């Protein structure tokens, strides 16, 4: 399919996923990298309490809070 035809289909809201090779798709800057962080036990307990209150995992709440702080600059 030519780029012009692809663009037209996209602009018209047609399904263009059949023209894509999604097996090689990546989300830039979304690679996962494992890190280890040591927290005092009182902090882990507070994180667990808040995570339980919100119905999420400890890891989820840490990620959200750090992301919020980084976005705030």
C-alpha atoms as a PDB file:
ATOM      1  CA  UNK A   1       0.000   0.000   0.000  1.00  0.00           C
ATOM      2  CA  UNK A   2       1.316   3.427  -0.900  1.00  0.00           C
ATOM      3  CA  UNK A   3       1.765   6.042   1.820  1.00  0.00           C
ATOM      4  CA  UNK A   4      -0.867   8.287   0.260  1.00  0.00           C
ATOM      5  CA  UNK A   5      -3.462   5.482   0.346  1.00  0.00           C
ATOM      6  CA  UNK A   6      -2.471   4.629   3.917  1.00  0.00           C
ATOM      7  CA  UNK A   7      -2.888   8.281   4.957  1.00  0.00           C
ATOM      8  CA  UNK A   8      -6.282   8.502   3.263  1.00  0.00           C
ATOM      9  CA  UNK A   9      -7.565   5.403   5.018  1.00  0.00           C
ATOM     10  CA  UNK A  10      -6.293   6.708   8.350  1.00  0.00           C
ATOM     11  CA  UNK A  11      -7.840  10.141   7.806  1.00  0.00           C
ATOM     12  CA  UNK A  12     -11.177   8.530   6.923  1.00  0.00           C
ATOM     13  CA  UNK A  13     -11.134   6.513  10.137  1.00  0.00           C
ATOM     14  CA  UNK A  14     -10.702   3.167   8.427  1.00  0.00           C
ATOM     15  CA  UNK A  15      -8.927   0.267  10.120  1.00  0.00           C
ATOM     16  CA  UNK A  16      -5.297   0.457   9.015  1.00  0.00           C
ATOM     17  CA  UNK A  17      -3.943  -2.139  11.445  1.00  0.00           C
ATOM     18  CA  UNK A  18      -3.896  -4.820   8.736  1.00  0.00           C
ATOM     19  CA  UNK A  19      -1.247  -2.747   6.930  1.00  0.00           C
ATOM     20  CA  UNK A  20       1.009  -2.601  10.008  1.00  0.00           C
ATOM     21  CA  UNK A  21       3.559  -5.101  11.295  1.00  0.00           C
ATOM     22  CA  UNK A  22       2.619  -4.951  14.983  1.00  0.00           C
ATOM     23  CA  UNK A  23       5.058  -7.722  15.935  1.00  0.00           C
ATOM     24  CA  UNK A  24       7.845  -5.142  15.867  1.00  0.00           C
ATOM     25  CA  UNK A  25       5.915  -2.270  17.466  1.00  0.00           C
ATOM     26  CA  UNK A  26       7.523  -0.570  20.447  1.00  0.00           C
ATOM     27  CA  UNK A  27       6.544   2.202  22.809  1.00  0.00           C
ATOM     28  CA  UNK A  28       9.465   4.634  22.970  1.00  0.00           C
ATOM     29  CA  UNK A  29      10.833   5.376  26.422  1.00  0.00           C
ATOM     30  CA  UNK A  30       8.630   2.638  27.916  1.00  0.00           C
ATOM     31  CA  UNK A  31      11.252  -0.069  28.343  1.00  0.00           C
ATOM     32  CA  UNK A  32      11.159  -1.490  31.851  1.00  0.00           C
ATOM     33  CA  UNK A  33      14.275  -1.311  33.961  1.00  0.00           C
ATOM     34  CA  UNK A  34      14.365  -2.950  37.355  1.00  0.00           C
ATOM     35  CA  UNK A  35      15.766  -0.943  40.268  1.00  0.00           C
ATOM     36  CA  UNK A  36      16.188  -1.762  43.928  1.00  0.00           C
ATOM     37  CA  UNK A  37      15.329   0.788  46.578  1.00  0.00           C
ATOM     38  CA  UNK A  38      15.667   0.305  50.312  1.00  0.00           C
ATOM     39  CA  UNK A  39      12.899   1.835  52.451  1.00  0.00           C
ATOM     40  CA  UNK A  40      12.617   1.944  56.227  1.00  0.00           C
ATOM     41  CA  UNK A  41      10.061  -0.562  57.509  1.00  0.00           C
ATOM     42  CA  UNK A  42       7.679   2.182  58.701  1.00  0.00           C
ATOM     43  CA  UNK A  43       7.603   3.539  55.153  1.00  0.00           C
ATOM     44  CA  UNK A  44       6.879   0.112  53.649  1.00  0.00           C
ATOM     45  CA  UNK A  45       4.036  -0.335  56.137  1.00  0.00           C
ATOM     46  CA  UNK A  46       2.616   3.084  55.236  1.00  0.00           C
ATOM     47  CA  UNK A  47       2.880   2.265  51.536  1.00  0.00           C
ATOM     48  CA  UNK A  48       1.138  -1.059  52.086  1.00  0.00           C
ATOM     49  CA  UNK A  49      -1.640   0.582  54.113  1.00  0.00           C
ATOM     50  CA  UNK A  50      -2.268   3.196  51.422  1.00  0.00           C
ATOM     51  CA  UNK A  51      -2.051   0.637  48.611  1.00  0.00           C
ATOM     52  CA  UNK A  52      -4.572  -1.570  50.416  1.00  0.00           C
ATOM     53  CA  UNK A  53      -6.888   1.407  50.972  1.00  0.00           C
ATOM     54  CA  UNK A  54      -6.775   2.222  47.251  1.00  0.00           C
ATOM     55  CA  UNK A  55      -6.991  -1.416  46.135  1.00  0.00           C
ATOM     56  CA  UNK A  56      -3.682  -1.396  44.259  1.00  0.00           C
ATOM     57  CA  UNK A  57      -0.275  -2.979  44.727  1.00  0.00           C
ATOM     58  CA  UNK A  58       2.624  -1.383  46.544  1.00  0.00           C
ATOM     59  CA  UNK A  59       4.538  -1.208  43.262  1.00  0.00           C
ATOM     60  CA  UNK A  60       1.647   0.586  41.566  1.00  0.00           C
ATOM     61  CA  UNK A  61       1.379   3.272  44.198  1.00  0.00           C
ATOM     62  CA  UNK A  62       5.140   3.876  44.164  1.00  0.00           C
ATOM     63  CA  UNK A  63       5.112   4.237  40.373  1.00  0.00           C
ATOM     64  CA  UNK A  64       2.148   6.607  40.392  1.00  0.00           C
ATOM     65  CA  UNK A  65       3.553   8.808  43.149  1.00  0.00           C
ATOM     66  CA  UNK A  66       6.981   9.032  41.524  1.00  0.00           C
ATOM     67  CA  UNK A  67       5.429   9.767  38.113  1.00  0.00           C
ATOM     68  CA  UNK A  68       3.286  12.539  39.653  1.00  0.00           C
ATOM     69  CA  UNK A  69       6.330  14.080  41.327  1.00  0.00           C
ATOM     70  CA  UNK A  70       8.419  13.955  38.151  1.00  0.00           C
ATOM     71  CA  UNK A  71       5.599  15.463  36.082  1.00  0.00           C
ATOM     72  CA  UNK A  72       5.291  18.315  38.557  1.00  0.00           C
ATOM     73  CA  UNK A  73       8.918  19.165  37.887  1.00  0.00           C
END
